[in-house]
Amino acid sequence: MRFLLAVCSATLLAAGPSLAAETFAFEGRWNCEVAEFTFTADSYNNGSEDMPITDIAVDGNGFVLSFDDSYQLFVSVNPDSTLYWFSPVSGDSFTCQRLD
């Protein structure tokens, strides 16, 4: 039993980094009309400020990105490879062009 527990634990630990290395379609640099936005799996830059992403949730064809202070954004990559960016807090939305 202890051996099985050790094997399972080792397997989960080994899988951890590969799960964290998952890439998302929204990652990269985007021209979003008002500024250049940059997304990674763990941060978002709005052109002037780096914001750590605390959670990423799949929502239909897009993603809800959560940040400190309960702030959230919705992003989705459109069939034409543009990014739709929406802030439910401000009501702002942008169609962004990929830069890289």
PDB file of N, CA and C in Angstrom:
ATOM      1  N   MET A   1       0.825  -1.192   0.000  1.00  0.00           N
ATOM      2  CA  MET A   1       0.000   0.000   0.000  1.00  0.00           C
ATOM      3  C   MET A   1       0.872   1.259   0.000  1.00  0.00           C
ATOM      4  N   ARG A   2       1.908   1.292   0.833  1.00  0.00           N
ATOM      5  CA  ARG A   2       2.795   2.455   0.870  1.00  0.00           C
ATOM      6  C   ARG A   2       3.515   2.620  -0.464  1.00  0.00           C
ATOM      7  N   PHE A   3       3.890   1.490  -1.056  1.00  0.00           N
ATOM      8  CA  PHE A   3       4.564   1.542  -2.346  1.00  0.00           C
ATOM      9  C   PHE A   3       3.646   2.158  -3.400  1.00  0.00           C
ATOM     10  N   LEU A   4       2.392   1.728  -3.422  1.00  0.00           N
ATOM     11  CA  LEU A   4       1.427   2.250  -4.385  1.00  0.00           C
ATOM     12  C   LEU A   4       1.214   3.751  -4.176  1.00  0.00           C
ATOM     13  N   LEU A   5       1.120   4.169  -2.929  1.00  0.00           N
ATOM     14  CA  LEU A   5       0.963   5.584  -2.618  1.00  0.00           C
ATOM     15  C   LEU A   5       2.179   6.377  -3.088  1.00  0.00           C
ATOM     16  N   ALA A   6       3.358   5.838  -2.885  1.00  0.00           N
ATOM     17  CA  ALA A   6       4.584   6.507  -3.320  1.00  0.00           C
ATOM     18  C   ALA A   6       4.638   6.618  -4.841  1.00  0.00           C
ATOM     19  N   VAL A   7       4.235   5.564  -5.539  1.00  0.00           N
ATOM     20  CA  VAL A   7       4.233   5.582  -7.003  1.00  0.00           C
ATOM     21  C   VAL A   7       3.227   6.611  -7.513  1.00  0.00           C
ATOM     22  N   CYS A   8       2.037   6.643  -6.940  1.00  0.00           N
ATOM     23  CA  CYS A   8       1.015   7.612  -7.353  1.00  0.00           C
ATOM     24  C   CYS A   8       1.482   9.043  -7.092  1.00  0.00           C
ATOM     25  N   SER A   9       2.079   9.272  -5.943  1.00  0.00           N
ATOM     26  CA  SER A   9       2.578  10.603  -5.610  1.00  0.00           C
ATOM     27  C   SER A   9       3.673  11.035  -6.573  1.00  0.00           C
ATOM     28  N   ALA A  10       4.580  10.124  -6.878  1.00  0.00           N
ATOM     29  CA  ALA A  10       5.661  10.433  -7.814  1.00  0.00           C
ATOM     30  C   ALA A  10       5.109  10.733  -9.200  1.00  0.00           C
ATOM     31  N   THR A  11       4.092  10.001  -9.604  1.00  0.00           N
ATOM     32  CA  THR A  11       3.476  10.233 -10.913  1.00  0.00           C
ATOM     33  C   THR A  11       2.829  11.608 -10.966  1.00  0.00           C
ATOM     34  N   LEU A  12       2.119  11.988  -9.925  1.00  0.00           N
ATOM     35  CA  LEU A  12       1.485  13.303  -9.885  1.00  0.00           C
ATOM     36  C   LEU A  12       2.518  14.420  -9.878  1.00  0.00           C
ATOM     37  N   LEU A  13       3.589  14.239  -9.130  1.00  0.00           N
ATOM     38  CA  LEU A  13       4.640  15.247  -9.102  1.00  0.00           C
ATOM     39  C   LEU A  13       5.296  15.382 -10.466  1.00  0.00           C
ATOM     40  N   ALA A  14       5.509  14.266 -11.130  1.00  0.00           N
ATOM     41  CA  ALA A  14       6.125  14.303 -12.455  1.00  0.00           C
ATOM     42  C   ALA A  14       5.204  14.967 -13.466  1.00  0.00           C
ATOM     43  N   ALA A  15       3.905  14.809 -13.313  1.00  0.00           N
ATOM     44  CA  ALA A  15       2.948  15.395 -14.252  1.00  0.00           C
ATOM     45  C   ALA A  15       2.759  16.885 -14.017  1.00  0.00           C
ATOM     46  N   GLY A  16       3.043  17.356 -12.822  1.00  0.00           N
ATOM     47  CA  GLY A  16       2.809  18.757 -12.491  1.00  0.00           C
ATOM     48  C   GLY A  16       3.418  19.748 -13.456  1.00  0.00           C
ATOM     49  N   PRO A  17       4.718  19.686 -13.734  1.00  0.00           N
ATOM     50  CA  PRO A  17       5.313  20.660 -14.635  1.00  0.00           C
ATOM     51  C   PRO A  17       4.726  20.630 -16.041  1.00  0.00           C
ATOM     52  N   SER A  18       4.375  19.452 -16.540  1.00  0.00           N
ATOM     53  CA  SER A  18       3.822  19.398 -17.888  1.00  0.00           C
ATOM     54  C   SER A  18       2.431  20.024 -17.929  1.00  0.00           C
ATOM     55  N   LEU A  19       1.679  19.913 -16.852  1.00  0.00           N
ATOM     56  CA  LEU A  19       0.372  20.554 -16.805  1.00  0.00           C
ATOM     57  C   LEU A  19       0.529  22.067 -16.741  1.00  0.00           C
ATOM     58  N   ALA A  20       1.497  22.531 -15.980  1.00  0.00           N
ATOM     59  CA  ALA A  20       1.731  23.966 -15.858  1.00  0.00           C
ATOM     60  C   ALA A  20       2.261  24.546 -17.165  1.00  0.00           C
ATOM     61  N   ALA A  21       2.841  23.722 -18.006  1.00  0.00           N
ATOM     62  CA  ALA A  21       3.421  24.188 -19.257  1.00  0.00           C
ATOM     63  C   ALA A  21       2.386  24.284 -20.377  1.00  0.00           C
ATOM     64  N   GLU A  22       1.121  24.029 -20.085  1.00  0.00           N
ATOM     65  CA  GLU A  22       0.074  24.113 -21.099  1.00  0.00           C
ATOM     66  C   GLU A  22       0.049  25.515 -21.707  1.00  0.00           C
ATOM     67  N   THR A  23      -0.092  25.573 -23.021  1.00  0.00           N
ATOM     68  CA  THR A  23      -0.201  26.871 -23.675  1.00  0.00           C
ATOM     69  C   THR A  23      -1.655  27.122 -24.062  1.00  0.00           C
ATOM     70  N   PHE A  24      -2.012  28.376 -24.106  1.00  0.00           N
ATOM     71  CA  PHE A  24      -3.370  28.782 -24.438  1.00  0.00           C
ATOM     72  C   PHE A  24      -3.349  29.598 -25.727  1.00  0.00           C
ATOM     73  N   ALA A  25      -4.421  29.537 -26.489  1.00  0.00           N
ATOM     74  CA  ALA A  25      -4.499  30.226 -27.781  1.00  0.00           C
ATOM     75  C   ALA A  25      -4.333  31.739 -27.648  1.00  0.00           C
ATOM     76  N   PHE A  26      -4.675  32.297 -26.502  1.00  0.00           N
ATOM     77  CA  PHE A  26      -4.589  33.746 -26.318  1.00  0.00           C
ATOM     78  C   PHE A  26      -3.187  34.238 -25.979  1.00  0.00           C
ATOM     79  N   GLU A  27      -2.255  33.326 -25.699  1.00  0.00           N
ATOM     80  CA  GLU A  27      -0.905  33.745 -25.321  1.00  0.00           C
ATOM     81  C   GLU A  27      -0.209  34.445 -26.483  1.00  0.00           C
ATOM     82  N   GLY A  28       0.520  35.506 -26.155  1.00  0.00           N
ATOM     83  CA  GLY A  28       1.265  36.246 -27.163  1.00  0.00           C
ATOM     84  C   GLY A  28       1.050  37.740 -27.034  1.00  0.00           C
ATOM     85  N   ARG A  29       1.543  38.462 -28.043  1.00  0.00           N
ATOM     86  CA  ARG A  29       1.408  39.923 -28.082  1.00  0.00           C
ATOM     87  C   ARG A  29       0.314  40.283 -29.077  1.00  0.00           C
ATOM     88  N   TRP A  30      -0.544  41.227 -28.682  1.00  0.00           N
ATOM     89  CA  TRP A  30      -1.702  41.601 -29.489  1.00  0.00           C
ATOM     90  C   TRP A  30      -1.827  43.114 -29.590  1.00  0.00           C
ATOM     91  N   ASN A  31      -2.131  43.630 -30.778  1.00  0.00           N
ATOM     92  CA  ASN A  31      -2.474  45.031 -30.965  1.00  0.00           C
ATOM     93  C   ASN A  31      -3.974  45.142 -30.716  1.00  0.00           C
ATOM     94  N   CYS A  32      -4.343  45.752 -29.603  1.00  0.00           N
ATOM     95  CA  CYS A  32      -5.745  45.791 -29.179  1.00  0.00           C
ATOM     96  C   CYS A  32      -6.338  47.196 -29.262  1.00  0.00           C
ATOM     97  N   GLU A  33      -6.062  47.908 -30.343  1.00  0.00           N
ATOM     98  CA  GLU A  33      -6.633  49.219 -30.631  1.00  0.00           C
ATOM     99  C   GLU A  33      -6.093  50.317 -29.718  1.00  0.00           C
ATOM    100  N   VAL A  34      -6.171  50.145 -28.411  1.00  0.00           N
ATOM    101  CA  VAL A  34      -5.759  51.190 -27.467  1.00  0.00           C
ATOM    102  C   VAL A  34      -4.344  50.997 -26.944  1.00  0.00           C
ATOM    103  N   ALA A  35      -3.816  49.785 -27.052  1.00  0.00           N
ATOM    104  CA  ALA A  35      -2.480  49.464 -26.550  1.00  0.00           C
ATOM    105  C   ALA A  35      -2.087  48.074 -27.036  1.00  0.00           C
ATOM    106  N   GLU A  36      -0.830  47.744 -26.817  1.00  0.00           N
ATOM    107  CA  GLU A  36      -0.354  46.391 -27.079  1.00  0.00           C
ATOM    108  C   GLU A  36      -0.535  45.579 -25.803  1.00  0.00           C
ATOM    109  N   PHE A  37      -1.341  44.532 -25.876  1.00  0.00           N
ATOM    110  CA  PHE A  37      -1.578  43.657 -24.734  1.00  0.00           C
ATOM    111  C   PHE A  37      -0.728  42.404 -24.905  1.00  0.00           C
ATOM    112  N   THR A  38      -0.192  41.912 -23.800  1.00  0.00           N
ATOM    113  CA  THR A  38       0.608  40.691 -23.819  1.00  0.00           C
ATOM    114  C   THR A  38       0.046  39.718 -22.796  1.00  0.00           C
ATOM    115  N   PHE A  39      -0.155  38.480 -23.248  1.00  0.00           N
ATOM    116  CA  PHE A  39      -0.676  37.423 -22.384  1.00  0.00           C
ATOM    117  C   PHE A  39       0.318  36.274 -22.318  1.00  0.00           C
ATOM    118  N   THR A  40       0.522  35.754 -21.121  1.00  0.00           N
ATOM    119  CA  THR A  40       1.196  34.474 -20.922  1.00  0.00           C
ATOM    120  C   THR A  40       0.223  33.606 -20.126  1.00  0.00           C
ATOM    121  N   ALA A  41       0.634  32.400 -19.802  1.00  0.00           N
ATOM    122  CA  ALA A  41      -0.229  31.518 -19.012  1.00  0.00           C
ATOM    123  C   ALA A  41      -0.393  32.017 -17.581  1.00  0.00           C
ATOM    124  N   ASP A  42       0.483  32.928 -17.136  1.00  0.00           N
ATOM    125  CA  ASP A  42       0.385  33.384 -15.747  1.00  0.00           C
ATOM    126  C   ASP A  42       0.384  34.901 -15.571  1.00  0.00           C
ATOM    127  N   SER A  43       0.377  35.671 -16.682  1.00  0.00           N
ATOM    128  CA  SER A  43       0.326  37.124 -16.524  1.00  0.00           C
ATOM    129  C   SER A  43      -0.310  37.800 -17.738  1.00  0.00           C
ATOM    130  N   TYR A  44      -0.755  39.019 -17.509  1.00  0.00           N
ATOM    131  CA  TYR A  44      -1.364  39.852 -18.539  1.00  0.00           C
ATOM    132  C   TYR A  44      -0.772  41.239 -18.397  1.00  0.00           C
ATOM    133  N   ASN A  45      -0.345  41.834 -19.519  1.00  0.00           N
ATOM    134  CA  ASN A  45       0.140  43.206 -19.510  1.00  0.00           C
ATOM    135  C   ASN A  45      -0.773  44.025 -20.411  1.00  0.00           C
ATOM    136  N   ASN A  46      -1.336  45.084 -19.865  1.00  0.00           N
ATOM    137  CA  ASN A  46      -2.288  45.926 -20.595  1.00  0.00           C
ATOM    138  C   ASN A  46      -1.615  47.082 -21.329  1.00  0.00           C
ATOM    139  N   GLY A  47      -0.306  46.996 -21.489  1.00  0.00           N
ATOM    140  CA  GLY A  47       0.450  48.047 -22.149  1.00  0.00           C
ATOM    141  C   GLY A  47       1.210  48.910 -21.175  1.00  0.00           C
ATOM    142  N   SER A  48       0.826  48.847 -19.900  1.00  0.00           N
ATOM    143  CA  SER A  48       1.515  49.655 -18.892  1.00  0.00           C
ATOM    144  C   SER A  48       1.712  48.947 -17.558  1.00  0.00           C
ATOM    145  N   GLU A  49       1.028  47.841 -17.353  1.00  0.00           N
ATOM    146  CA  GLU A  49       1.069  47.175 -16.041  1.00  0.00           C
ATOM    147  C   GLU A  49       1.010  45.659 -16.204  1.00  0.00           C
ATOM    148  N   ASP A  50       1.907  44.952 -15.501  1.00  0.00           N
ATOM    149  CA  ASP A  50       1.838  43.488 -15.435  1.00  0.00           C
ATOM    150  C   ASP A  50       0.867  43.084 -14.342  1.00  0.00           C
ATOM    151  N   MET A  51      -0.047  42.174 -14.687  1.00  0.00           N
ATOM    152  CA  MET A  51      -1.026  41.686 -13.718  1.00  0.00           C
ATOM    153  C   MET A  51      -0.944  40.164 -13.667  1.00  0.00           C
ATOM    154  N   PRO A  52      -0.645  39.577 -12.495  1.00  0.00           N
ATOM    155  CA  PRO A  52      -0.616  38.118 -12.389  1.00  0.00           C
ATOM    156  C   PRO A  52      -2.013  37.525 -12.583  1.00  0.00           C
ATOM    157  N   ILE A  53      -2.109  36.486 -13.400  1.00  0.00           N
ATOM    158  CA  ILE A  53      -3.368  35.765 -13.588  1.00  0.00           C
ATOM    159  C   ILE A  53      -3.488  34.746 -12.469  1.00  0.00           C
ATOM    160  N   THR A  54      -4.584  34.796 -11.722  1.00  0.00           N
ATOM    161  CA  THR A  54      -4.771  33.874 -10.600  1.00  0.00           C
ATOM    162  C   THR A  54      -5.566  32.633 -10.982  1.00  0.00           C
ATOM    163  N   ASP A  55      -6.328  32.715 -12.095  1.00  0.00           N
ATOM    164  CA  ASP A  55      -7.106  31.555 -12.537  1.00  0.00           C
ATOM    165  C   ASP A  55      -7.479  31.729 -14.003  1.00  0.00           C
ATOM    166  N   ILE A  56      -7.541  30.610 -14.720  1.00  0.00           N
ATOM    167  CA  ILE A  56      -8.005  30.586 -16.105  1.00  0.00           C
ATOM    168  C   ILE A  56      -9.102  29.543 -16.185  1.00  0.00           C
ATOM    169  N   ALA A  57     -10.293  29.965 -16.590  1.00  0.00           N
ATOM    170  CA  ALA A  57     -11.430  29.048 -16.704  1.00  0.00           C
ATOM    171  C   ALA A  57     -11.935  29.049 -18.143  1.00  0.00           C
ATOM    172  N   VAL A  58     -12.141  27.857 -18.691  1.00  0.00           N
ATOM    173  CA  VAL A  58     -12.719  27.738 -20.028  1.00  0.00           C
ATOM    174  C   VAL A  58     -14.186  28.145 -19.944  1.00  0.00           C
ATOM    175  N   ASP A  59     -14.600  29.000 -20.872  1.00  0.00           N
ATOM    176  CA  ASP A  59     -15.986  29.469 -20.913  1.00  0.00           C
ATOM    177  C   ASP A  59     -16.438  29.466 -22.372  1.00  0.00           C
ATOM    178  N   GLY A  60     -17.114  28.405 -22.775  1.00  0.00           N
ATOM    179  CA  GLY A  60     -17.532  28.282 -24.172  1.00  0.00           C
ATOM    180  C   GLY A  60     -16.323  28.209 -25.082  1.00  0.00           C
ATOM    181  N   ASN A  61     -16.231  29.143 -26.018  1.00  0.00           N
ATOM    182  CA  ASN A  61     -15.100  29.192 -26.945  1.00  0.00           C
ATOM    183  C   ASN A  61     -13.982  30.097 -26.453  1.00  0.00           C
ATOM    184  N   GLY A  62     -14.083  30.574 -25.230  1.00  0.00           N
ATOM    185  CA  GLY A  62     -13.090  31.498 -24.715  1.00  0.00           C
ATOM    186  C   GLY A  62     -12.639  31.139 -23.316  1.00  0.00           C
ATOM    187  N   PHE A  63     -12.037  32.127 -22.683  1.00  0.00           N
ATOM    188  CA  PHE A  63     -11.459  31.937 -21.359  1.00  0.00           C
ATOM    189  C   PHE A  63     -11.799  33.128 -20.476  1.00  0.00           C
ATOM    190  N   VAL A  64     -12.104  32.848 -19.229  1.00  0.00           N
ATOM    191  CA  VAL A  64     -12.247  33.894 -18.224  1.00  0.00           C
ATOM    192  C   VAL A  64     -10.938  33.924 -17.451  1.00  0.00           C
ATOM    193  N   LEU A  65     -10.263  35.062 -17.498  1.00  0.00           N
ATOM    194  CA  LEU A  65      -9.011  35.249 -16.774  1.00  0.00           C
ATOM    195  C   LEU A  65      -9.321  36.014 -15.498  1.00  0.00           C
ATOM    196  N   SER A  66      -8.891  35.471 -14.367  1.00  0.00           N
ATOM    197  CA  SER A  66      -9.144  36.108 -13.075  1.00  0.00           C
ATOM    198  C   SER A  66      -7.850  36.677 -12.520  1.00  0.00           C
ATOM    199  N   PHE A  67      -7.989  37.796 -11.825  1.00  0.00           N
ATOM    200  CA  PHE A  67      -6.861  38.518 -11.255  1.00  0.00           C
ATOM    201  C   PHE A  67      -7.171  38.856  -9.798  1.00  0.00           C
ATOM    202  N   ASP A  68      -6.201  39.466  -9.121  1.00  0.00           N
ATOM    203  CA  ASP A  68      -6.434  39.917  -7.747  1.00  0.00           C
ATOM    204  C   ASP A  68      -7.626  40.873  -7.706  1.00  0.00           C
ATOM    205  N   ASP A  69      -8.202  41.041  -6.537  1.00  0.00           N
ATOM    206  CA  ASP A  69      -9.339  41.949  -6.309  1.00  0.00           C
ATOM    207  C   ASP A  69     -10.574  41.575  -7.126  1.00  0.00           C
ATOM    208  N   SER A  70     -10.720  40.290  -7.461  1.00  0.00           N
ATOM    209  CA  SER A  70     -11.890  39.763  -8.176  1.00  0.00           C
ATOM    210  C   SER A  70     -12.078  40.351  -9.578  1.00  0.00           C
ATOM    211  N   TYR A  71     -11.041  40.957 -10.148  1.00  0.00           N
ATOM    212  CA  TYR A  71     -11.123  41.486 -11.510  1.00  0.00           C
ATOM    213  C   TYR A  71     -11.058  40.330 -12.501  1.00  0.00           C
ATOM    214  N   GLN A  72     -11.842  40.404 -13.572  1.00  0.00           N
ATOM    215  CA  GLN A  72     -11.854  39.356 -14.587  1.00  0.00           C
ATOM    216  C   GLN A  72     -11.916  39.957 -15.986  1.00  0.00           C
ATOM    217  N   LEU A  73     -11.364  39.216 -16.940  1.00  0.00           N
ATOM    218  CA  LEU A  73     -11.460  39.521 -18.363  1.00  0.00           C
ATOM    219  C   LEU A  73     -11.950  38.286 -19.078  1.00  0.00           C
ATOM    220  N   PHE A  74     -12.607  38.485 -20.215  1.00  0.00           N
ATOM    221  CA  PHE A  74     -12.965  37.371 -21.083  1.00  0.00           C
ATOM    222  C   PHE A  74     -12.206  37.561 -22.383  1.00  0.00           C
ATOM    223  N   VAL A  75     -11.539  36.506 -22.851  1.00  0.00           N
ATOM    224  CA  VAL A  75     -10.843  36.543 -24.137  1.00  0.00           C
ATOM    225  C   VAL A  75     -11.192  35.296 -24.933  1.00  0.00           C
ATOM    226  N   SER A  76     -11.251  35.460 -26.246  1.00  0.00           N
ATOM    227  CA  SER A  76     -11.434  34.301 -27.122  1.00  0.00           C
ATOM    228  C   SER A  76     -10.754  34.588 -28.450  1.00  0.00           C
ATOM    229  N   VAL A  77     -10.224  33.540 -29.058  1.00  0.00           N
ATOM    230  CA  VAL A  77      -9.600  33.671 -30.367  1.00  0.00           C
ATOM    231  C   VAL A  77     -10.652  33.324 -31.412  1.00  0.00           C
ATOM    232  N   ASN A  78     -10.880  34.261 -32.318  1.00  0.00           N
ATOM    233  CA  ASN A  78     -11.884  34.121 -33.364  1.00  0.00           C
ATOM    234  C   ASN A  78     -11.373  33.249 -34.513  1.00  0.00           C
ATOM    235  N   PRO A  79     -12.272  32.739 -35.353  1.00  0.00           N
ATOM    236  CA  PRO A  79     -11.849  31.920 -36.497  1.00  0.00           C
ATOM    237  C   PRO A  79     -10.871  32.634 -37.437  1.00  0.00           C
ATOM    238  N   ASP A  80     -10.916  33.976 -37.486  1.00  0.00           N
ATOM    239  CA  ASP A  80      -9.984  34.714 -38.347  1.00  0.00           C
ATOM    240  C   ASP A  80      -8.669  35.033 -37.635  1.00  0.00           C
ATOM    241  N   SER A  81      -8.425  34.398 -36.497  1.00  0.00           N
ATOM    242  CA  SER A  81      -7.199  34.528 -35.689  1.00  0.00           C
ATOM    243  C   SER A  81      -7.075  35.859 -34.959  1.00  0.00           C
ATOM    244  N   THR A  82      -8.129  36.659 -34.917  1.00  0.00           N
ATOM    245  CA  THR A  82      -8.118  37.842 -34.069  1.00  0.00           C
ATOM    246  C   THR A  82      -8.527  37.423 -32.658  1.00  0.00           C
ATOM    247  N   LEU A  83      -8.220  38.282 -31.704  1.00  0.00           N
ATOM    248  CA  LEU A  83      -8.574  38.028 -30.309  1.00  0.00           C
ATOM    249  C   LEU A  83      -9.695  38.976 -29.911  1.00  0.00           C
ATOM    250  N   TYR A  84     -10.752  38.429 -29.343  1.00  0.00           N
ATOM    251  CA  TYR A  84     -11.818  39.249 -28.769  1.00  0.00           C
ATOM    252  C   TYR A  84     -11.492  39.430 -27.295  1.00  0.00           C
ATOM    253  N   TRP A  85     -11.438  40.673 -26.823  1.00  0.00           N
ATOM    254  CA  TRP A  85     -11.112  41.025 -25.441  1.00  0.00           C
ATOM    255  C   TRP A  85     -12.308  41.776 -24.877  1.00  0.00           C
ATOM    256  N   PHE A  86     -12.790  41.355 -23.703  1.00  0.00           N
ATOM    257  CA  PHE A  86     -13.947  41.999 -23.086  1.00  0.00           C
ATOM    258  C   PHE A  86     -13.750  42.126 -21.587  1.00  0.00           C
ATOM    259  N   SER A  87     -14.021  43.322 -21.063  1.00  0.00           N
ATOM    260  CA  SER A  87     -13.997  43.566 -19.623  1.00  0.00           C
ATOM    261  C   SER A  87     -15.421  43.772 -19.132  1.00  0.00           C
ATOM    262  N   PRO A  88     -15.960  42.842 -18.334  1.00  0.00           N
ATOM    263  CA  PRO A  88     -17.304  43.037 -17.795  1.00  0.00           C
ATOM    264  C   PRO A  88     -17.372  44.192 -16.792  1.00  0.00           C
ATOM    265  N   VAL A  89     -16.235  44.591 -16.240  1.00  0.00           N
ATOM    266  CA  VAL A  89     -16.219  45.692 -15.274  1.00  0.00           C
ATOM    267  C   VAL A  89     -16.439  47.027 -15.982  1.00  0.00           C
ATOM    268  N   SER A  90     -15.675  47.272 -17.049  1.00  0.00           N
ATOM    269  CA  SER A  90     -15.778  48.558 -17.756  1.00  0.00           C
ATOM    270  C   SER A  90     -16.755  48.515 -18.924  1.00  0.00           C
ATOM    271  N   GLY A  91     -17.028  47.310 -19.423  1.00  0.00           N
ATOM    272  CA  GLY A  91     -17.857  47.176 -20.614  1.00  0.00           C
ATOM    273  C   GLY A  91     -17.073  47.349 -21.905  1.00  0.00           C
ATOM    274  N   ASP A  92     -15.769  47.626 -21.790  1.00  0.00           N
ATOM    275  CA  ASP A  92     -14.928  47.792 -22.978  1.00  0.00           C
ATOM    276  C   ASP A  92     -14.736  46.462 -23.691  1.00  0.00           C
ATOM    277  N   SER A  93     -14.652  46.529 -25.012  1.00  0.00           N
ATOM    278  CA  SER A  93     -14.308  45.344 -25.791  1.00  0.00           C
ATOM    279  C   SER A  93     -13.447  45.780 -26.964  1.00  0.00           C
ATOM    280  N   PHE A  94     -12.523  44.909 -27.352  1.00  0.00           N
ATOM    281  CA  PHE A  94     -11.604  45.193 -28.441  1.00  0.00           C
ATOM    282  C   PHE A  94     -11.443  43.953 -29.302  1.00  0.00           C
ATOM    283  N   THR A  95     -11.173  44.194 -30.574  1.00  0.00           N
ATOM    284  CA  THR A  95     -10.749  43.127 -31.466  1.00  0.00           C
ATOM    285  C   THR A  95      -9.266  43.351 -31.703  1.00  0.00           C
ATOM    286  N   CYS A  96      -8.469  42.361 -31.365  1.00  0.00           N
ATOM    287  CA  CYS A  96      -7.015  42.503 -31.363  1.00  0.00           C
ATOM    288  C   CYS A  96      -6.376  41.684 -32.483  1.00  0.00           C
ATOM    289  N   GLN A  97      -5.300  42.237 -33.046  1.00  0.00           N
ATOM    290  CA  GLN A  97      -4.529  41.558 -34.086  1.00  0.00           C
ATOM    291  C   GLN A  97      -3.258  40.984 -33.469  1.00  0.00           C
ATOM    292  N   ARG A  98      -2.948  39.733 -33.792  1.00  0.00           N
ATOM    293  CA  ARG A  98      -1.742  39.091 -33.252  1.00  0.00           C
ATOM    294  C   ARG A  98      -0.497  39.772 -33.813  1.00  0.00           C
ATOM    295  N   LEU A  99       0.482  40.027 -32.938  1.00  0.00           N
ATOM    296  CA  LEU A  99       1.748  40.638 -33.331  1.00  0.00           C
ATOM    297  C   LEU A  99       2.882  39.629 -33.439  1.00  0.00           C
ATOM    298  N   ASP A 100       2.761  38.477 -32.812  1.00  0.00           N
ATOM    299  CA  ASP A 100       3.824  37.463 -32.926  1.00  0.00           C
ATOM    300  C   ASP A 100       3.249  36.095 -33.142  1.00  0.00           C
TER     301      ASP A 100
END
